[in-house]
Amino acid sequence: MLSFTNATKIYINGSPAEGEGVVEHKEGQVMLLDFWATWCPPCQGPMAHNQHMLESRGKDWGENVRLVGLSIDSAAATVKNHVESKKWTNVEHWWIRNGKCQDDEAYNFRGVPHVALVDKSGTIVFKGHPANRPNLEADIDALLKGETLKGVQAPSASGKFSESPLPAGDSWEETQPKIQGFNSEAKKFMEEHADKFKQF
């Protein structure tokens, strides 16, 4: 079962939250898990895009879609202050490096940004750098329809979060140009939405 236990709440349902809780998948929901940090420049564009997706599609998706930020920062206050200053409060935010939540170690991600898409049954259908999935909004819509994502390895029986994660995908040689392109697009996005998001 997909779960992060003893995670620290930062923002839930658009409001500040405190205490510890469990991030878990609910049957029928599509989830985007975004592992990130406030000190990570390449993480900022994807998180801004998460906020933008919820502003434009949140009413359509309702409770069927959750975009979840899982911060690896050193302090909860740092995450909260950053999220509030950027107005990224539509995203569900948790702090997972609090010394109690150890579940992220099972997902074998190397560095941030790193995302995981989870289908309605709780199966990981993609994990890796967000640059490898240039249209996450379309991916989410496809998963809501029960469709298989194009360009990714089909999940096996071990595709559940509680078991071995799927491979990240492309080799470094294949991924590097995508990352560069993604960073350019993220910078362009931030510039176009300068009225909403502060520049880095």
C-alpha atoms as a PDB file:
ATOM      1  CA  MET A   1       0.000   0.000   0.000  1.00  0.00           C
ATOM      2  CA  LEU A   2       1.279   3.460  -0.931  1.00  0.00           C
ATOM      3  CA  SER A   3       2.063   5.319   2.276  1.00  0.00           C
ATOM      4  CA  PHE A   4       4.453   7.717   3.933  1.00  0.00           C
ATOM      5  CA  THR A   5       4.015   7.389   7.674  1.00  0.00           C
ATOM      6  CA  ASN A   6       5.020  10.000  10.267  1.00  0.00           C
ATOM      7  CA  ALA A   7       5.323  12.725   7.642  1.00  0.00           C
ATOM      8  CA  THR A   8       4.958  16.321   8.822  1.00  0.00           C
ATOM      9  CA  LYS A   9       2.002  18.268   7.465  1.00  0.00           C
ATOM     10  CA  ILE A  10       2.743  21.632   5.844  1.00  0.00           C
ATOM     11  CA  TYR A  11      -0.274  22.526   3.681  1.00  0.00           C
ATOM     12  CA  ILE A  12      -3.379  20.376   3.320  1.00  0.00           C
ATOM     13  CA  ASN A  13      -6.476  21.342   1.330  1.00  0.00           C
ATOM     14  CA  GLY A  14      -5.107  24.825   0.767  1.00  0.00           C
ATOM     15  CA  SER A  15      -4.583  25.617   4.443  1.00  0.00           C
ATOM     16  CA  PRO A  16      -1.580  25.512   6.808  1.00  0.00           C
ATOM     17  CA  ALA A  17      -1.405  22.281   8.780  1.00  0.00           C
ATOM     18  CA  GLU A  18       0.591  20.959  11.714  1.00  0.00           C
ATOM     19  CA  GLY A  19       1.453  17.624  13.248  1.00  0.00           C
ATOM     20  CA  GLU A  20       2.289  14.303  11.701  1.00  0.00           C
ATOM     21  CA  GLY A  21       0.203  12.170   9.431  1.00  0.00           C
ATOM     22  CA  VAL A  22       0.184   9.565   6.700  1.00  0.00           C
ATOM     23  CA  VAL A  23       0.362  10.262   2.984  1.00  0.00           C
ATOM     24  CA  GLU A  24      -1.507   7.387   1.412  1.00  0.00           C
ATOM     25  CA  HIS A  25      -3.199   6.499  -1.829  1.00  0.00           C
ATOM     26  CA  LYS A  26      -6.945   6.077  -1.957  1.00  0.00           C
ATOM     27  CA  GLU A  27      -8.531   3.732  -4.461  1.00  0.00           C
ATOM     28  CA  GLY A  28      -9.664   5.620  -7.537  1.00  0.00           C
ATOM     29  CA  GLN A  29      -7.285   8.554  -7.098  1.00  0.00           C
ATOM     30  CA  VAL A  30      -4.477   9.557  -9.440  1.00  0.00           C
ATOM     31  CA  MET A  31      -1.473  10.988  -7.621  1.00  0.00           C
ATOM     32  CA  LEU A  32       1.570  12.971  -8.633  1.00  0.00           C
ATOM     33  CA  LEU A  33       4.275  12.770  -5.984  1.00  0.00           C
ATOM     34  CA  ASP A  34       6.908  15.477  -6.349  1.00  0.00           C
ATOM     35  CA  PHE A  35      10.085  14.973  -4.317  1.00  0.00           C
ATOM     36  CA  TRP A  36      11.680  18.407  -4.057  1.00  0.00           C
ATOM     37  CA  ALA A  37      13.527  20.955  -1.915  1.00  0.00           C
ATOM     38  CA  THR A  38      13.370  24.722  -1.515  1.00  0.00           C
ATOM     39  CA  TRP A  39      17.144  24.995  -2.101  1.00  0.00           C
ATOM     40  CA  CYS A  40      16.939  23.114  -5.426  1.00  0.00           C
ATOM     41  CA  PRO A  41      16.698  25.556  -8.391  1.00  0.00           C
ATOM     42  CA  PRO A  42      15.473  22.919 -10.903  1.00  0.00           C
ATOM     43  CA  CYS A  43      12.680  21.968  -8.467  1.00  0.00           C
ATOM     44  CA  GLN A  44      11.054  25.386  -8.566  1.00  0.00           C
ATOM     45  CA  GLY A  45       9.646  25.293 -12.103  1.00  0.00           C
ATOM     46  CA  PRO A  46       7.957  21.897 -11.667  1.00  0.00           C
ATOM     47  CA  MET A  47       6.405  22.942  -8.351  1.00  0.00           C
ATOM     48  CA  ALA A  48       5.157  26.194  -9.899  1.00  0.00           C
ATOM     49  CA  HIS A  49       3.669  24.090 -12.690  1.00  0.00           C
ATOM     50  CA  ASN A  50       1.931  21.870 -10.112  1.00  0.00           C
ATOM     51  CA  GLN A  51       0.302  24.966  -8.658  1.00  0.00           C
ATOM     52  CA  HIS A  52      -0.684  26.167 -12.118  1.00  0.00           C
ATOM     53  CA  MET A  53      -2.256  22.801 -12.995  1.00  0.00           C
ATOM     54  CA  LEU A  54      -4.376  22.900  -9.853  1.00  0.00           C
ATOM     55  CA  GLU A  55      -5.448  26.467 -10.497  1.00  0.00           C
ATOM     56  CA  SER A  56      -6.575  25.590 -14.017  1.00  0.00           C
ATOM     57  CA  ARG A  57      -7.796  22.004 -13.541  1.00  0.00           C
ATOM     58  CA  GLY A  58      -8.428  21.579  -9.834  1.00  0.00           C
ATOM     59  CA  LYS A  59     -12.198  22.005 -10.099  1.00  0.00           C
ATOM     60  CA  ASP A  60     -12.381  19.496 -12.960  1.00  0.00           C
ATOM     61  CA  TRP A  61     -10.269  16.922 -11.156  1.00  0.00           C
ATOM     62  CA  GLY A  62     -11.759  17.388  -7.704  1.00  0.00           C
ATOM     63  CA  GLU A  63     -10.815  14.712  -5.200  1.00  0.00           C
ATOM     64  CA  ASN A  64      -9.853  12.303  -7.968  1.00  0.00           C
ATOM     65  CA  VAL A  65      -6.401  13.893  -8.352  1.00  0.00           C
ATOM     66  CA  ARG A  66      -3.806  14.811  -5.741  1.00  0.00           C
ATOM     67  CA  LEU A  67      -0.580  16.683  -6.440  1.00  0.00           C
ATOM     68  CA  VAL A  68       1.660  16.106  -3.442  1.00  0.00           C
ATOM     69  CA  GLY A  69       4.928  17.865  -2.653  1.00  0.00           C
ATOM     70  CA  LEU A  70       7.286  15.777  -0.513  1.00  0.00           C
ATOM     71  CA  SER A  71      10.065  18.031   0.751  1.00  0.00           C
ATOM     72  CA  ILE A  72      13.518  16.827   1.749  1.00  0.00           C
ATOM     73  CA  ASP A  73      14.459  20.167   3.339  1.00  0.00           C
ATOM     74  CA  SER A  74      16.063  20.322   6.770  1.00  0.00           C
ATOM     75  CA  ALA A  75      13.190  22.114   8.515  1.00  0.00           C
ATOM     76  CA  ALA A  76       9.404  22.288   8.206  1.00  0.00           C
ATOM     77  CA  ALA A  77       9.379  26.057   8.723  1.00  0.00           C
ATOM     78  CA  THR A  78      11.629  26.514   5.700  1.00  0.00           C
ATOM     79  CA  VAL A  79       9.171  24.623   3.521  1.00  0.00           C
ATOM     80  CA  LYS A  80       6.131  26.461   4.889  1.00  0.00           C
ATOM     81  CA  ASN A  81       7.685  29.901   4.426  1.00  0.00           C
ATOM     82  CA  HIS A  82       8.793  29.088   0.891  1.00  0.00           C
ATOM     83  CA  VAL A  83       5.433  27.639  -0.132  1.00  0.00           C
ATOM     84  CA  GLU A  84       3.619  30.670   1.220  1.00  0.00           C
ATOM     85  CA  SER A  85       5.993  33.180  -0.381  1.00  0.00           C
ATOM     86  CA  LYS A  86       5.521  31.491  -3.766  1.00  0.00           C
ATOM     87  CA  LYS A  87       1.764  31.019  -3.256  1.00  0.00           C
ATOM     88  CA  TRP A  88       2.008  27.327  -4.042  1.00  0.00           C
ATOM     89  CA  THR A  89      -0.644  26.514  -1.471  1.00  0.00           C
ATOM     90  CA  ASN A  90      -3.032  24.550  -3.700  1.00  0.00           C
ATOM     91  CA  VAL A  91      -0.486  21.736  -3.738  1.00  0.00           C
ATOM     92  CA  GLU A  92      -0.618  19.291  -0.824  1.00  0.00           C
ATOM     93  CA  HIS A  93       2.701  19.731   0.995  1.00  0.00           C
ATOM     94  CA  TRP A  94       4.490  17.391   3.419  1.00  0.00           C
ATOM     95  CA  TRP A  95       7.967  17.322   4.974  1.00  0.00           C
ATOM     96  CA  ILE A  96       9.493  13.834   4.901  1.00  0.00           C
ATOM     97  CA  ARG A  97      12.996  14.440   6.292  1.00  0.00           C
ATOM     98  CA  ASN A  98      11.849  14.963   9.866  1.00  0.00           C
ATOM     99  CA  GLY A  99      13.814  12.034  11.301  1.00  0.00           C
ATOM    100  CA  LYS A 100      10.669   9.926  11.735  1.00  0.00           C
ATOM    101  CA  CYS A 101       9.446   9.361   8.194  1.00  0.00           C
ATOM    102  CA  GLN A 102      11.718   6.758   6.626  1.00  0.00           C
ATOM    103  CA  ASP A 103       9.481   5.551   3.816  1.00  0.00           C
ATOM    104  CA  ASP A 104      11.119   7.627   1.082  1.00  0.00           C
ATOM    105  CA  GLU A 105      14.203   5.402   1.324  1.00  0.00           C
ATOM    106  CA  ALA A 106      12.205   2.577  -0.265  1.00  0.00           C
ATOM    107  CA  TYR A 107      11.611   4.551  -3.460  1.00  0.00           C
ATOM    108  CA  ASN A 108      15.254   4.774  -4.436  1.00  0.00           C
ATOM    109  CA  PHE A 109      15.217   8.270  -5.921  1.00  0.00           C
ATOM    110  CA  ARG A 110      18.549   9.913  -6.620  1.00  0.00           C
ATOM    111  CA  GLY A 111      18.390  13.637  -6.191  1.00  0.00           C
ATOM    112  CA  VAL A 112      15.614  16.122  -6.834  1.00  0.00           C
ATOM    113  CA  PRO A 113      13.450  16.997  -8.652  1.00  0.00           C
ATOM    114  CA  HIS A 114      11.978  13.521  -8.912  1.00  0.00           C
ATOM    115  CA  VAL A 115       8.366  12.642  -9.545  1.00  0.00           C
ATOM    116  CA  ALA A 116       6.188   9.554  -9.405  1.00  0.00           C
ATOM    117  CA  LEU A 117       2.844   9.090 -11.122  1.00  0.00           C
ATOM    118  CA  VAL A 118       0.446   6.723  -9.412  1.00  0.00           C
ATOM    119  CA  ASP A 119      -2.626   5.309 -11.144  1.00  0.00           C
ATOM    120  CA  LYS A 120      -6.087   4.728  -9.685  1.00  0.00           C
ATOM    121  CA  SER A 121      -5.146   1.300  -8.326  1.00  0.00           C
ATOM    122  CA  GLY A 122      -2.081   2.631  -6.462  1.00  0.00           C
ATOM    123  CA  THR A 123       0.496   1.367  -8.956  1.00  0.00           C
ATOM    124  CA  ILE A 124       3.526   3.432  -9.955  1.00  0.00           C
ATOM    125  CA  VAL A 125       3.321   3.972 -13.703  1.00  0.00           C
ATOM    126  CA  PHE A 126       6.269   6.366 -13.930  1.00  0.00           C
ATOM    127  CA  LYS A 127       9.097   7.536 -11.707  1.00  0.00           C
ATOM    128  CA  GLY A 128      11.982   9.769 -12.687  1.00  0.00           C
ATOM    129  CA  HIS A 129      12.919  13.326 -13.614  1.00  0.00           C
ATOM    130  CA  PRO A 130       9.865  15.431 -14.563  1.00  0.00           C
ATOM    131  CA  ALA A 131      11.625  16.361 -17.818  1.00  0.00           C
ATOM    132  CA  ASN A 132      10.888  12.825 -19.017  1.00  0.00           C
ATOM    133  CA  ARG A 133       7.131  13.518 -18.868  1.00  0.00           C
ATOM    134  CA  PRO A 134       6.713  16.912 -20.579  1.00  0.00           C
ATOM    135  CA  ASN A 135       2.893  16.910 -20.333  1.00  0.00           C
ATOM    136  CA  LEU A 136       1.963  15.778 -16.855  1.00  0.00           C
ATOM    137  CA  GLU A 137      -1.507  17.251 -17.170  1.00  0.00           C
ATOM    138  CA  ALA A 138      -2.234  14.979 -20.146  1.00  0.00           C
ATOM    139  CA  ASP A 139      -0.704  12.042 -18.240  1.00  0.00           C
ATOM    140  CA  ILE A 140      -3.054  12.655 -15.322  1.00  0.00           C
ATOM    141  CA  ASP A 141      -6.065  12.875 -17.630  1.00  0.00           C
ATOM    142  CA  ALA A 142      -5.040   9.622 -19.297  1.00  0.00           C
ATOM    143  CA  LEU A 143      -4.705   7.833 -15.963  1.00  0.00           C
ATOM    144  CA  LEU A 144      -8.123   9.097 -14.880  1.00  0.00           C
ATOM    145  CA  LYS A 145      -9.545   7.437 -18.000  1.00  0.00           C
ATOM    146  CA  GLY A 146      -7.758   4.204 -17.137  1.00  0.00           C
ATOM    147  CA  GLU A 147      -5.405   4.513 -20.098  1.00  0.00           C
ATOM    148  CA  THR A 148      -1.798   3.358 -20.224  1.00  0.00           C
ATOM    149  CA  LEU A 149       0.799   6.088 -20.480  1.00  0.00           C
ATOM    150  CA  LYS A 150       2.701   6.244 -23.726  1.00  0.00           C
ATOM    151  CA  GLY A 151       6.475   5.938 -23.702  1.00  0.00           C
ATOM    152  CA  VAL A 152       6.818   4.241 -20.328  1.00  0.00           C
ATOM    153  CA  GLN A 153       7.422   0.668 -19.287  1.00  0.00           C
ATOM    154  CA  ALA A 154       4.230  -1.099 -18.283  1.00  0.00           C
ATOM    155  CA  PRO A 155       4.150  -1.718 -14.509  1.00  0.00           C
ATOM    156  CA  SER A 156       4.757  -5.251 -13.342  1.00  0.00           C
ATOM    157  CA  ALA A 157       3.377  -6.975 -10.262  1.00  0.00           C
ATOM    158  CA  SER A 158       6.154  -5.253  -8.323  1.00  0.00           C
ATOM    159  CA  GLY A 159       4.971  -1.815  -9.402  1.00  0.00           C
ATOM    160  CA  LYS A 160       3.304  -1.012  -6.110  1.00  0.00           C
ATOM    161  CA  PHE A 161       4.890   1.618  -3.892  1.00  0.00           C
ATOM    162  CA  SER A 162       5.264  -0.926  -1.133  1.00  0.00           C
ATOM    163  CA  GLU A 163       7.511  -3.039  -3.353  1.00  0.00           C
ATOM    164  CA  SER A 164      10.350  -2.496  -5.814  1.00  0.00           C
ATOM    165  CA  PRO A 165       9.985   0.743  -7.782  1.00  0.00           C
ATOM    166  CA  LEU A 166      10.057   0.875 -11.565  1.00  0.00           C
ATOM    167  CA  PRO A 167      13.259   1.870 -13.320  1.00  0.00           C
ATOM    168  CA  ALA A 168      13.657   5.618 -13.784  1.00  0.00           C
ATOM    169  CA  GLY A 169      13.686   5.195 -17.569  1.00  0.00           C
ATOM    170  CA  ASP A 170      16.130   6.689 -20.058  1.00  0.00           C
ATOM    171  CA  SER A 171      19.901   6.621 -19.795  1.00  0.00           C
ATOM    172  CA  TRP A 172      21.765   9.757 -18.744  1.00  0.00           C
ATOM    173  CA  GLU A 173      22.723  10.470 -22.372  1.00  0.00           C
ATOM    174  CA  GLU A 174      19.053  10.363 -23.358  1.00  0.00           C
ATOM    175  CA  THR A 175      17.838  12.258 -20.304  1.00  0.00           C
ATOM    176  CA  GLN A 176      20.325  15.151 -20.257  1.00  0.00           C
ATOM    177  CA  PRO A 177      18.918  16.966 -23.327  1.00  0.00           C
ATOM    178  CA  LYS A 178      15.407  16.533 -21.927  1.00  0.00           C
ATOM    179  CA  ILE A 179      16.485  18.036 -18.612  1.00  0.00           C
ATOM    180  CA  GLN A 180      18.060  20.993 -20.391  1.00  0.00           C
ATOM    181  CA  GLY A 181      14.929  21.512 -22.440  1.00  0.00           C
ATOM    182  CA  PHE A 182      12.744  21.141 -19.384  1.00  0.00           C
ATOM    183  CA  ASN A 183      14.785  23.722 -17.475  1.00  0.00           C
ATOM    184  CA  SER A 184      14.429  26.138 -20.397  1.00  0.00           C
ATOM    185  CA  GLU A 185      10.680  25.596 -20.485  1.00  0.00           C
ATOM    186  CA  ALA A 186      10.474  26.005 -16.704  1.00  0.00           C
ATOM    187  CA  LYS A 187      12.377  29.299 -16.898  1.00  0.00           C
ATOM    188  CA  LYS A 188      10.082  30.493 -19.684  1.00  0.00           C
ATOM    189  CA  PHE A 189       7.042  29.489 -17.628  1.00  0.00           C
ATOM    190  CA  MET A 190       8.315  31.423 -14.607  1.00  0.00           C
ATOM    191  CA  GLU A 191       8.985  34.503 -16.731  1.00  0.00           C
ATOM    192  CA  GLU A 192       5.526  34.374 -18.280  1.00  0.00           C
ATOM    193  CA  HIS A 193       3.929  34.106 -14.847  1.00  0.00           C
ATOM    194  CA  ALA A 194       6.131  36.631 -13.076  1.00  0.00           C
ATOM    195  CA  ASP A 195       3.039  38.289 -11.649  1.00  0.00           C
ATOM    196  CA  LYS A 196       2.324  35.119  -9.689  1.00  0.00           C
ATOM    197  CA  PHE A 197       5.734  33.652  -9.020  1.00  0.00           C
ATOM    198  CA  LYS A 198       8.885  35.417  -7.886  1.00  0.00           C
ATOM    199  CA  GLN A 199      11.940  34.865 -10.080  1.00  0.00           C
ATOM    200  CA  PHE A 200      14.968  32.932  -8.900  1.00  0.00           C
END
